[in-house]
Amino acid sequence: MNNDGLIRIREAMNHIKPAEKNAAVYILENPEEIVRLSIKELSNRSGSSQAAITRLCKNIGVSGFQDLKLRIAGDLQTSELNIYNGNEIISDENVNSLIEKVSQKNIESIRQTLKILEINSVERAIEALNKANRIDFYGAAASQVIAQDAQQKFLRINKYCTAYEDAHLQLTSSVTLRENDVAVGISYSGETKHVLSAIRNAKQNNAVTVAITRYGKNTLSELVDIHLCVSSVESDLVRSAATASRIAQLNIIDILFTGVASRNYDATIHYLNQTREALQREFRNPKKG
C-alpha cells in the first residue's frame, strides 16, 4: 500500500490554489477522519467544492479522492504522523530529547523523499551525468555546501565538474555549457534567483538541466529537464536552518554518484585508489625517527 498521501499534500501547500487549500488543511489536520469520508462529506466539512478536491488530487499526482484515501490509510498504518508535530528548535531542550528528535527528523526526511522520488527521473539523471563532458552544480548557502560535496565526489571518479561558491562564477560558467554537458540546480525552495538564471543559461545552450528541489511546482522544477524532488519535515518557521532538507538532498547526491560510479565500476575503483593514494602521500602523518 502506498503511504505518501499526507506528504504529497504537505509539500504542495505553497502552490495549491486557495479553493483547494481549505480541503488540504482539513485533510492534514484530520487524517484519521478522511479515510471514512466521501468526497461530498469532505466538501461539506472543509468548505471546498468537490471540483476543488478533485483538482487537489490531480495537482498532487494521485488519480482521485479514493486513491488519496488509500494513501492516507497507508500513512496511518506507519504511525509516523507525530514526526511533523512540534518545533525543531525550542528553548533549553533536554539533550537526550534533541538527539532523538533531530536524528528521527533527518531519517524521516530521507524516508519521505524516497516515497515521492521518481525512479525514472533518477535513471535519466544518472544517464545524463554519466555521459556528460562537464557538470556544473549551482546552489546558494546550505545548497552550495551540497554542490561542493557533489563536486568532491564526482571529481574523485574523473568526472569534470564545477561548484563555484561565487554566484557570478556560477553564472559565468553556465553560459559556457554545451549540448553534452549537465547543469544541476540545487535549491529547496526552487526560487533562488541566481540558480534560476544559471539554469536558464544552461538550457539555452542545450545542456541537460537537473533540479534537486522540493516536491511540487516551483520555478526551478518547471524550468528543468529532470526534476528530483525532496521532502523535508521542517516547519517554515525554522527553514533557515535547512537541516533535514539538506540531509535529503545530500542523499540524492549520493544516489547519483553511486549510480554513475556503478556504471563505470573498473574505472571508478582505479580513480578512487589513485586519489586516495595521492591524498595519503601528501597529508598522512610523517613517520617518527
C-alpha atoms as a PDB file:
ATOM      1  CA  MET A   1       0.000   0.000   0.000  1.00  0.00           C
ATOM      2  CA  ASN A   2       1.294   3.471  -0.897  1.00  0.00           C
ATOM      3  CA  ASN A   3       1.718   5.707   2.127  1.00  0.00           C
ATOM      4  CA  ASP A   4       2.521   9.083   0.652  1.00  0.00           C
ATOM      5  CA  GLY A   5      -0.808  10.923   0.691  1.00  0.00           C
ATOM      6  CA  LEU A   6      -0.045  13.315   3.528  1.00  0.00           C
ATOM      7  CA  ILE A   7       3.480  14.098   2.359  1.00  0.00           C
ATOM      8  CA  ARG A   8       2.187  14.965  -1.108  1.00  0.00           C
ATOM      9  CA  ILE A   9      -0.345  17.399   0.341  1.00  0.00           C
ATOM     10  CA  ARG A  10       2.077  18.944   2.808  1.00  0.00           C
ATOM     11  CA  GLU A  11       4.750  19.536   0.173  1.00  0.00           C
ATOM     12  CA  ALA A  12       2.170  21.057  -2.198  1.00  0.00           C
ATOM     13  CA  MET A  13       0.730  23.573   0.283  1.00  0.00           C
ATOM     14  CA  ASN A  14       2.751  26.506  -1.043  1.00  0.00           C
ATOM     15  CA  HIS A  15       1.464  26.255  -4.612  1.00  0.00           C
ATOM     16  CA  ILE A  16      -2.101  24.943  -4.472  1.00  0.00           C
ATOM     17  CA  LYS A  17      -4.941  27.380  -5.109  1.00  0.00           C
ATOM     18  CA  PRO A  18      -6.984  28.909  -2.245  1.00  0.00           C
ATOM     19  CA  ALA A  19     -10.078  26.932  -3.261  1.00  0.00           C
ATOM     20  CA  GLU A  20      -8.128  23.707  -2.738  1.00  0.00           C
ATOM     21  CA  LYS A  21      -6.273  24.801   0.385  1.00  0.00           C
ATOM     22  CA  ASN A  22      -9.276  24.500   2.716  1.00  0.00           C
ATOM     23  CA  ALA A  23      -9.591  20.828   1.843  1.00  0.00           C
ATOM     24  CA  ALA A  24      -5.830  20.318   2.112  1.00  0.00           C
ATOM     25  CA  VAL A  25      -5.681  21.855   5.583  1.00  0.00           C
ATOM     26  CA  TYR A  26      -8.671  19.819   6.739  1.00  0.00           C
ATOM     27  CA  ILE A  27      -7.067  16.600   5.483  1.00  0.00           C
ATOM     28  CA  LEU A  28      -3.751  17.322   7.210  1.00  0.00           C
ATOM     29  CA  GLU A  29      -5.498  18.141  10.483  1.00  0.00           C
ATOM     30  CA  ASN A  30      -7.919  15.179  10.373  1.00  0.00           C
ATOM     31  CA  PRO A  31      -6.238  12.266   8.560  1.00  0.00           C
ATOM     32  CA  GLU A  32      -7.978   9.553  10.599  1.00  0.00           C
ATOM     33  CA  GLU A  33     -11.365  11.024   9.708  1.00  0.00           C
ATOM     34  CA  ILE A  34     -10.622  11.438   5.998  1.00  0.00           C
ATOM     35  CA  VAL A  35     -10.371   7.720   5.254  1.00  0.00           C
ATOM     36  CA  ARG A  36     -14.047   7.325   6.271  1.00  0.00           C
ATOM     37  CA  LEU A  37     -15.437  10.312   4.349  1.00  0.00           C
ATOM     38  CA  SER A  38     -16.901  10.583   0.877  1.00  0.00           C
ATOM     39  CA  ILE A  39     -15.809  13.450  -1.338  1.00  0.00           C
ATOM     40  CA  LYS A  40     -19.181  15.112  -0.692  1.00  0.00           C
ATOM     41  CA  GLU A  41     -18.719  14.868   3.083  1.00  0.00           C
ATOM     42  CA  LEU A  42     -15.211  16.313   2.848  1.00  0.00           C
ATOM     43  CA  SER A  43     -16.586  19.142   0.730  1.00  0.00           C
ATOM     44  CA  ASN A  44     -19.207  19.978   3.358  1.00  0.00           C
ATOM     45  CA  ARG A  45     -16.756  19.860   6.267  1.00  0.00           C
ATOM     46  CA  SER A  46     -13.848  21.676   4.638  1.00  0.00           C
ATOM     47  CA  GLY A  47     -15.729  24.316   2.668  1.00  0.00           C
ATOM     48  CA  SER A  48     -14.034  23.318  -0.582  1.00  0.00           C
ATOM     49  CA  SER A  49     -16.133  22.263  -3.547  1.00  0.00           C
ATOM     50  CA  GLN A  50     -15.999  18.707  -4.848  1.00  0.00           C
ATOM     51  CA  ALA A  51     -14.407  20.061  -8.027  1.00  0.00           C
ATOM     52  CA  ALA A  52     -11.678  21.752  -5.957  1.00  0.00           C
ATOM     53  CA  ILE A  53     -10.983  18.496  -4.106  1.00  0.00           C
ATOM     54  CA  THR A  54     -10.707  16.674  -7.429  1.00  0.00           C
ATOM     55  CA  ARG A  55      -8.267  19.329  -8.673  1.00  0.00           C
ATOM     56  CA  LEU A  56      -6.264  18.974  -5.465  1.00  0.00           C
ATOM     57  CA  CYS A  57      -5.913  15.241  -6.096  1.00  0.00           C
ATOM     58  CA  LYS A  58      -4.750  15.913  -9.640  1.00  0.00           C
ATOM     59  CA  ASN A  59      -2.255  18.564  -8.534  1.00  0.00           C
ATOM     60  CA  ILE A  60      -0.579  16.240  -6.038  1.00  0.00           C
ATOM     61  CA  GLY A  61      -0.306  13.439  -8.569  1.00  0.00           C
ATOM     62  CA  VAL A  62      -2.926  10.952  -7.372  1.00  0.00           C
ATOM     63  CA  SER A  63      -5.672   9.512  -9.560  1.00  0.00           C
ATOM     64  CA  GLY A  64      -8.596  10.686  -7.446  1.00  0.00           C
ATOM     65  CA  PHE A  65     -10.055  11.028  -3.966  1.00  0.00           C
ATOM     66  CA  GLN A  66     -10.310   7.282  -3.456  1.00  0.00           C
ATOM     67  CA  ASP A  67      -6.630   6.884  -4.327  1.00  0.00           C
ATOM     68  CA  LEU A  68      -5.778   9.686  -1.894  1.00  0.00           C
ATOM     69  CA  LYS A  69      -7.728   7.973   0.901  1.00  0.00           C
ATOM     70  CA  LEU A  70      -5.857   4.720   0.309  1.00  0.00           C
ATOM     71  CA  ARG A  71      -2.532   6.529   0.513  1.00  0.00           C
ATOM     72  CA  ILE A  72      -3.556   8.290   3.732  1.00  0.00           C
ATOM     73  CA  ALA A  73      -4.641   4.934   5.172  1.00  0.00           C
ATOM     74  CA  GLY A  74      -1.113   3.754   4.459  1.00  0.00           C
ATOM     75  CA  ASP A  75       0.252   6.824   6.249  1.00  0.00           C
ATOM     76  CA  LEU A  76      -1.840   5.995   9.305  1.00  0.00           C
ATOM     77  CA  GLN A  77      -0.535   2.433   9.393  1.00  0.00           C
ATOM     78  CA  THR A  78       3.070   3.623   9.571  1.00  0.00           C
ATOM     79  CA  SER A  79       2.359   5.535  12.815  1.00  0.00           C
ATOM     80  CA  GLU A  80       4.765   8.308  11.830  1.00  0.00           C
ATOM     81  CA  LEU A  81       2.436  11.302  11.888  1.00  0.00           C
ATOM     82  CA  ASN A  82       3.931  12.717  15.067  1.00  0.00           C
ATOM     83  CA  ILE A  83       7.208  13.399  13.285  1.00  0.00           C
ATOM     84  CA  TYR A  84       5.667  16.603  11.895  1.00  0.00           C
ATOM     85  CA  ASN A  85       4.496  17.911  15.241  1.00  0.00           C
ATOM     86  CA  GLY A  86       6.356  20.368  17.394  1.00  0.00           C
ATOM     87  CA  ASN A  87       9.078  22.922  16.779  1.00  0.00           C
ATOM     88  CA  GLU A  88      12.511  21.885  15.604  1.00  0.00           C
ATOM     89  CA  ILE A  89      14.196  24.371  17.932  1.00  0.00           C
ATOM     90  CA  ILE A  90      12.873  25.034  21.434  1.00  0.00           C
ATOM     91  CA  SER A  91      14.352  26.810  24.415  1.00  0.00           C
ATOM     92  CA  ASP A  92      16.633  24.831  26.764  1.00  0.00           C
ATOM     93  CA  GLU A  93      15.724  21.438  25.349  1.00  0.00           C
ATOM     94  CA  ASN A  94      16.977  18.309  27.072  1.00  0.00           C
ATOM     95  CA  VAL A  95      19.997  16.880  25.211  1.00  0.00           C
ATOM     96  CA  ASN A  96      18.568  13.359  25.088  1.00  0.00           C
ATOM     97  CA  SER A  97      15.382  14.747  23.580  1.00  0.00           C
ATOM     98  CA  LEU A  98      17.092  16.824  20.904  1.00  0.00           C
ATOM     99  CA  ILE A  99      19.399  13.950  19.900  1.00  0.00           C
ATOM    100  CA  GLU A 100      16.378  11.734  19.327  1.00  0.00           C
ATOM    101  CA  LYS A 101      14.301  14.439  17.633  1.00  0.00           C
ATOM    102  CA  VAL A 102      16.956  15.697  15.223  1.00  0.00           C
ATOM    103  CA  SER A 103      18.039  12.177  14.283  1.00  0.00           C
ATOM    104  CA  GLN A 104      14.479  10.992  13.688  1.00  0.00           C
ATOM    105  CA  LYS A 105      13.637  14.049  11.585  1.00  0.00           C
ATOM    106  CA  ASN A 106      16.696  13.509   9.406  1.00  0.00           C
ATOM    107  CA  ILE A 107      15.841   9.834   8.957  1.00  0.00           C
ATOM    108  CA  GLU A 108      12.223  10.667   8.212  1.00  0.00           C
ATOM    109  CA  SER A 109      13.198  13.308   5.661  1.00  0.00           C
ATOM    110  CA  ILE A 110      15.064  10.654   3.668  1.00  0.00           C
ATOM    111  CA  ARG A 111      12.226   8.154   4.026  1.00  0.00           C
ATOM    112  CA  GLN A 112       9.620  10.667   2.882  1.00  0.00           C
ATOM    113  CA  THR A 113      11.826  11.679  -0.048  1.00  0.00           C
ATOM    114  CA  LEU A 114      12.025   8.059  -1.176  1.00  0.00           C
ATOM    115  CA  LYS A 115       8.219   7.968  -1.300  1.00  0.00           C
ATOM    116  CA  ILE A 116       7.992  10.818  -3.808  1.00  0.00           C
ATOM    117  CA  LEU A 117      11.234  10.357  -5.745  1.00  0.00           C
ATOM    118  CA  GLU A 118      10.513   9.035  -9.241  1.00  0.00           C
ATOM    119  CA  ILE A 119      12.803   6.175 -10.283  1.00  0.00           C
ATOM    120  CA  ASN A 120      12.587   7.147 -13.937  1.00  0.00           C
ATOM    121  CA  SER A 121      13.850  10.641 -13.128  1.00  0.00           C
ATOM    122  CA  VAL A 122      16.766   9.218 -11.143  1.00  0.00           C
ATOM    123  CA  GLU A 123      17.664   6.892 -14.023  1.00  0.00           C
ATOM    124  CA  ARG A 124      17.572   9.780 -16.509  1.00  0.00           C
ATOM    125  CA  ALA A 125      19.752  11.928 -14.250  1.00  0.00           C
ATOM    126  CA  ILE A 126      22.323   9.160 -13.792  1.00  0.00           C
ATOM    127  CA  GLU A 127      22.409   8.558 -17.545  1.00  0.00           C
ATOM    128  CA  ALA A 128      22.911  12.262 -18.272  1.00  0.00           C
ATOM    129  CA  LEU A 129      25.647  12.638 -15.650  1.00  0.00           C
ATOM    130  CA  ASN A 130      27.372   9.505 -16.874  1.00  0.00           C
ATOM    131  CA  LYS A 131      27.534  10.813 -20.454  1.00  0.00           C
ATOM    132  CA  ALA A 132      28.351  14.422 -19.538  1.00  0.00           C
ATOM    133  CA  ASN A 133      31.543  16.051 -20.731  1.00  0.00           C
ATOM    134  CA  ARG A 134      31.191  18.575 -17.932  1.00  0.00           C
ATOM    135  CA  ILE A 135      28.899  19.038 -14.938  1.00  0.00           C
ATOM    136  CA  ASP A 136      28.028  22.317 -13.211  1.00  0.00           C
ATOM    137  CA  PHE A 137      26.459  22.334  -9.741  1.00  0.00           C
ATOM    138  CA  TYR A 138      24.681  25.553  -8.683  1.00  0.00           C
ATOM    139  CA  GLY A 139      23.496  26.482  -5.200  1.00  0.00           C
ATOM    140  CA  ALA A 140      23.484  29.151  -2.512  1.00  0.00           C
ATOM    141  CA  ALA A 141      24.120  28.998   1.240  1.00  0.00           C
ATOM    142  CA  ALA A 142      23.325  25.483   2.530  1.00  0.00           C
ATOM    143  CA  SER A 143      22.614  24.296  -1.010  1.00  0.00           C
ATOM    144  CA  GLN A 144      26.084  25.451  -2.063  1.00  0.00           C
ATOM    145  CA  VAL A 145      27.577  23.138   0.563  1.00  0.00           C
ATOM    146  CA  ILE A 146      25.688  20.292  -1.121  1.00  0.00           C
ATOM    147  CA  ALA A 147      27.041  21.395  -4.504  1.00  0.00           C
ATOM    148  CA  GLN A 148      30.597  21.291  -3.153  1.00  0.00           C
ATOM    149  CA  ASP A 149      30.012  17.820  -1.733  1.00  0.00           C
ATOM    150  CA  ALA A 150      28.852  16.703  -5.178  1.00  0.00           C
ATOM    151  CA  GLN A 151      31.907  18.221  -6.837  1.00  0.00           C
ATOM    152  CA  GLN A 152      34.251  16.456  -4.414  1.00  0.00           C
ATOM    153  CA  LYS A 153      32.610  13.106  -5.108  1.00  0.00           C
ATOM    154  CA  PHE A 154      32.430  13.320  -8.894  1.00  0.00           C
ATOM    155  CA  LEU A 155      35.967  14.691  -9.253  1.00  0.00           C
ATOM    156  CA  ARG A 156      37.296  11.610  -7.491  1.00  0.00           C
ATOM    157  CA  ILE A 157      35.966   9.402 -10.288  1.00  0.00           C
ATOM    158  CA  ASN A 158      37.299  11.668 -13.037  1.00  0.00           C
ATOM    159  CA  LYS A 159      34.060  13.485 -13.897  1.00  0.00           C
ATOM    160  CA  TYR A 160      34.953  17.065 -14.720  1.00  0.00           C
ATOM    161  CA  CYS A 161      32.680  19.337 -12.694  1.00  0.00           C
ATOM    162  CA  THR A 162      32.458  22.714 -11.001  1.00  0.00           C
ATOM    163  CA  ALA A 163      30.678  24.017  -7.912  1.00  0.00           C
ATOM    164  CA  TYR A 164      31.711  27.634  -7.678  1.00  0.00           C
ATOM    165  CA  GLU A 165      30.792  29.339  -4.428  1.00  0.00           C
ATOM    166  CA  ASP A 166      30.563  32.756  -6.046  1.00  0.00           C
ATOM    167  CA  ALA A 167      27.257  33.422  -7.806  1.00  0.00           C
ATOM    168  CA  HIS A 168      28.983  35.431 -10.534  1.00  0.00           C
ATOM    169  CA  LEU A 169      31.213  32.466 -11.373  1.00  0.00           C
ATOM    170  CA  GLN A 170      28.204  30.133 -11.423  1.00  0.00           C
ATOM    171  CA  LEU A 171      26.528  32.398 -13.964  1.00  0.00           C
ATOM    172  CA  THR A 172      29.718  32.782 -15.992  1.00  0.00           C
ATOM    173  CA  SER A 173      30.214  29.032 -16.088  1.00  0.00           C
ATOM    174  CA  SER A 174      26.609  28.388 -17.077  1.00  0.00           C
ATOM    175  CA  VAL A 175      26.865  30.313 -20.353  1.00  0.00           C
ATOM    176  CA  THR A 176      29.796  28.141 -21.477  1.00  0.00           C
ATOM    177  CA  LEU A 177      27.940  24.821 -21.158  1.00  0.00           C
ATOM    178  CA  ARG A 178      27.068  22.953 -24.317  1.00  0.00           C
ATOM    179  CA  GLU A 179      24.863  20.124 -25.554  1.00  0.00           C
ATOM    180  CA  ASN A 180      26.767  17.243 -23.927  1.00  0.00           C
ATOM    181  CA  ASP A 181      27.036  18.977 -20.545  1.00  0.00           C
ATOM    182  CA  VAL A 182      24.795  18.843 -17.465  1.00  0.00           C
ATOM    183  CA  ALA A 183      23.707  21.657 -15.130  1.00  0.00           C
ATOM    184  CA  VAL A 184      22.377  20.718 -11.689  1.00  0.00           C
ATOM    185  CA  GLY A 185      20.474  23.381  -9.757  1.00  0.00           C
ATOM    186  CA  ILE A 186      20.120  22.772  -6.022  1.00  0.00           C
ATOM    187  CA  SER A 187      17.500  24.836  -4.196  1.00  0.00           C
ATOM    188  CA  TYR A 188      14.916  23.514  -1.751  1.00  0.00           C
ATOM    189  CA  SER A 189      12.581  26.454  -2.381  1.00  0.00           C
ATOM    190  CA  GLY A 190      13.144  26.299  -6.122  1.00  0.00           C
ATOM    191  CA  GLU A 191      13.234  30.094  -6.214  1.00  0.00           C
ATOM    192  CA  THR A 192      16.911  31.028  -5.676  1.00  0.00           C
ATOM    193  CA  LYS A 193      17.403  33.818  -8.199  1.00  0.00           C
ATOM    194  CA  HIS A 194      20.925  33.209  -9.487  1.00  0.00           C
ATOM    195  CA  VAL A 195      20.390  29.440  -9.603  1.00  0.00           C
ATOM    196  CA  LEU A 196      17.362  30.007 -11.837  1.00  0.00           C
ATOM    197  CA  SER A 197      19.386  32.323 -14.070  1.00  0.00           C
ATOM    198  CA  ALA A 198      22.222  29.804 -14.359  1.00  0.00           C
ATOM    199  CA  ILE A 199      19.809  27.017 -15.276  1.00  0.00           C
ATOM    200  CA  ARG A 200      18.172  29.224 -17.911  1.00  0.00           C
ATOM    201  CA  ASN A 201      21.598  29.940 -19.414  1.00  0.00           C
ATOM    202  CA  ALA A 202      22.495  26.251 -19.474  1.00  0.00           C
ATOM    203  CA  LYS A 203      19.162  25.315 -21.007  1.00  0.00           C
ATOM    204  CA  GLN A 204      19.555  27.953 -23.703  1.00  0.00           C
ATOM    205  CA  ASN A 205      22.845  26.280 -24.666  1.00  0.00           C
ATOM    206  CA  ASN A 206      21.135  22.854 -24.882  1.00  0.00           C
ATOM    207  CA  ALA A 207      22.772  21.388 -21.784  1.00  0.00           C
ATOM    208  CA  VAL A 208      20.728  18.837 -19.831  1.00  0.00           C
ATOM    209  CA  THR A 209      19.253  20.549 -16.767  1.00  0.00           C
ATOM    210  CA  VAL A 210      18.522  18.828 -13.453  1.00  0.00           C
ATOM    211  CA  ALA A 211      16.846  20.208 -10.318  1.00  0.00           C
ATOM    212  CA  ILE A 212      17.156  18.960  -6.760  1.00  0.00           C
ATOM    213  CA  THR A 213      14.293  20.805  -5.117  1.00  0.00           C
ATOM    214  CA  ARG A 214      11.111  20.365  -3.142  1.00  0.00           C
ATOM    215  CA  TYR A 215       8.166  18.315  -4.336  1.00  0.00           C
ATOM    216  CA  GLY A 216       5.546  20.128  -6.364  1.00  0.00           C
ATOM    217  CA  LYS A 217       5.544  23.111  -8.661  1.00  0.00           C
ATOM    218  CA  ASN A 218       8.164  25.810  -8.285  1.00  0.00           C
ATOM    219  CA  THR A 219      10.085  27.887 -10.793  1.00  0.00           C
ATOM    220  CA  LEU A 220      13.141  25.618 -10.822  1.00  0.00           C
ATOM    221  CA  SER A 221      11.183  22.392 -11.237  1.00  0.00           C
ATOM    222  CA  GLU A 222       9.270  23.939 -14.141  1.00  0.00           C
ATOM    223  CA  LEU A 223      12.487  25.000 -15.890  1.00  0.00           C
ATOM    224  CA  VAL A 224      14.492  21.790 -15.910  1.00  0.00           C
ATOM    225  CA  ASP A 225      14.518  18.617 -17.963  1.00  0.00           C
ATOM    226  CA  ILE A 226      14.756  16.355 -14.903  1.00  0.00           C
ATOM    227  CA  HIS A 227      13.185  17.092 -11.507  1.00  0.00           C
ATOM    228  CA  LEU A 228      14.491  15.187  -8.481  1.00  0.00           C
ATOM    229  CA  CYS A 229      12.159  16.116  -5.646  1.00  0.00           C
ATOM    230  CA  VAL A 230      12.977  16.043  -1.960  1.00  0.00           C
ATOM    231  CA  SER A 231      10.853  16.210   1.144  1.00  0.00           C
ATOM    232  CA  SER A 232      11.515  17.908   4.439  1.00  0.00           C
ATOM    233  CA  VAL A 233       9.934  17.543   7.856  1.00  0.00           C
ATOM    234  CA  GLU A 234      10.898  21.056   8.914  1.00  0.00           C
ATOM    235  CA  SER A 235       8.359  23.774   9.530  1.00  0.00           C
ATOM    236  CA  ASP A 236       8.572  27.020   7.585  1.00  0.00           C
ATOM    237  CA  LEU A 237       9.394  28.838  10.827  1.00  0.00           C
ATOM    238  CA  VAL A 238      12.864  27.278  11.028  1.00  0.00           C
ATOM    239  CA  ARG A 239      13.528  26.573   7.366  1.00  0.00           C
ATOM    240  CA  SER A 240      16.561  28.860   7.621  1.00  0.00           C
ATOM    241  CA  ALA A 241      18.319  26.058   9.485  1.00  0.00           C
ATOM    242  CA  ALA A 242      17.826  23.791   6.435  1.00  0.00           C
ATOM    243  CA  THR A 243      18.744  20.702   8.425  1.00  0.00           C
ATOM    244  CA  ALA A 244      16.516  17.810   7.385  1.00  0.00           C
ATOM    245  CA  SER A 245      16.116  19.020   3.793  1.00  0.00           C
ATOM    246  CA  ARG A 246      19.908  19.224   3.491  1.00  0.00           C
ATOM    247  CA  ILE A 247      20.218  15.596   4.566  1.00  0.00           C
ATOM    248  CA  ALA A 248      17.667  14.539   1.942  1.00  0.00           C
ATOM    249  CA  GLN A 249      19.469  16.494  -0.781  1.00  0.00           C
ATOM    250  CA  LEU A 250      22.836  15.012   0.189  1.00  0.00           C
ATOM    251  CA  ASN A 251      21.263  11.577  -0.025  1.00  0.00           C
ATOM    252  CA  ILE A 252      20.180  12.275  -3.602  1.00  0.00           C
ATOM    253  CA  ILE A 253      23.731  13.355  -4.471  1.00  0.00           C
ATOM    254  CA  ASP A 254      24.979  10.068  -3.014  1.00  0.00           C
ATOM    255  CA  ILE A 255      22.431   8.152  -5.111  1.00  0.00           C
ATOM    256  CA  LEU A 256      23.507   9.925  -8.301  1.00  0.00           C
ATOM    257  CA  PHE A 257      27.205   9.468  -7.552  1.00  0.00           C
ATOM    258  CA  THR A 258      26.794   5.785  -6.772  1.00  0.00           C
ATOM    259  CA  GLY A 259      24.756   5.304  -9.945  1.00  0.00           C
ATOM    260  CA  VAL A 260      27.450   6.855 -12.139  1.00  0.00           C
ATOM    261  CA  ALA A 261      30.222   5.025 -10.286  1.00  0.00           C
ATOM    262  CA  SER A 262      28.430   1.704 -10.659  1.00  0.00           C
ATOM    263  CA  ARG A 263      28.166   2.134 -14.429  1.00  0.00           C
ATOM    264  CA  ASN A 264      31.926   2.644 -14.615  1.00  0.00           C
ATOM    265  CA  TYR A 265      32.981   0.183 -11.928  1.00  0.00           C
ATOM    266  CA  ASP A 266      36.538  -0.655 -13.034  1.00  0.00           C
ATOM    267  CA  ALA A 267      37.425   2.962 -13.800  1.00  0.00           C
ATOM    268  CA  THR A 268      35.795   4.081 -10.539  1.00  0.00           C
ATOM    269  CA  ILE A 269      37.924   1.722  -8.449  1.00  0.00           C
ATOM    270  CA  HIS A 270      41.033   2.836 -10.329  1.00  0.00           C
ATOM    271  CA  TYR A 271      40.420   6.548  -9.789  1.00  0.00           C
ATOM    272  CA  LEU A 272      39.319   6.150  -6.168  1.00  0.00           C
ATOM    273  CA  ASN A 273      42.535   4.266  -5.423  1.00  0.00           C
ATOM    274  CA  GLN A 274      44.622   6.872  -7.214  1.00  0.00           C
ATOM    275  CA  THR A 275      43.036   9.821  -5.447  1.00  0.00           C
ATOM    276  CA  ARG A 276      43.237   8.116  -2.060  1.00  0.00           C
ATOM    277  CA  GLU A 277      46.920   7.319  -2.524  1.00  0.00           C
ATOM    278  CA  ALA A 278      47.684  10.880  -3.646  1.00  0.00           C
ATOM    279  CA  LEU A 279      45.978  12.319  -0.572  1.00  0.00           C
ATOM    280  CA  GLN A 280      47.667   9.865   1.759  1.00  0.00           C
ATOM    281  CA  ARG A 281      51.112  10.715   0.365  1.00  0.00           C
ATOM    282  CA  GLU A 282      50.501  14.402   0.886  1.00  0.00           C
ATOM    283  CA  PHE A 283      48.669  14.530   4.194  1.00  0.00           C
ATOM    284  CA  ARG A 284      49.406  11.404   6.227  1.00  0.00           C
ATOM    285  CA  ASN A 285      51.471  11.869   9.380  1.00  0.00           C
ATOM    286  CA  PRO A 286      55.232  11.518   8.766  1.00  0.00           C
ATOM    287  CA  LYS A 287      56.898   8.532  10.379  1.00  0.00           C
ATOM    288  CA  LYS A 288      58.788   9.195  13.560  1.00  0.00           C
ATOM    289  CA  GLY A 289      62.520   8.529  13.772  1.00  0.00           C
END
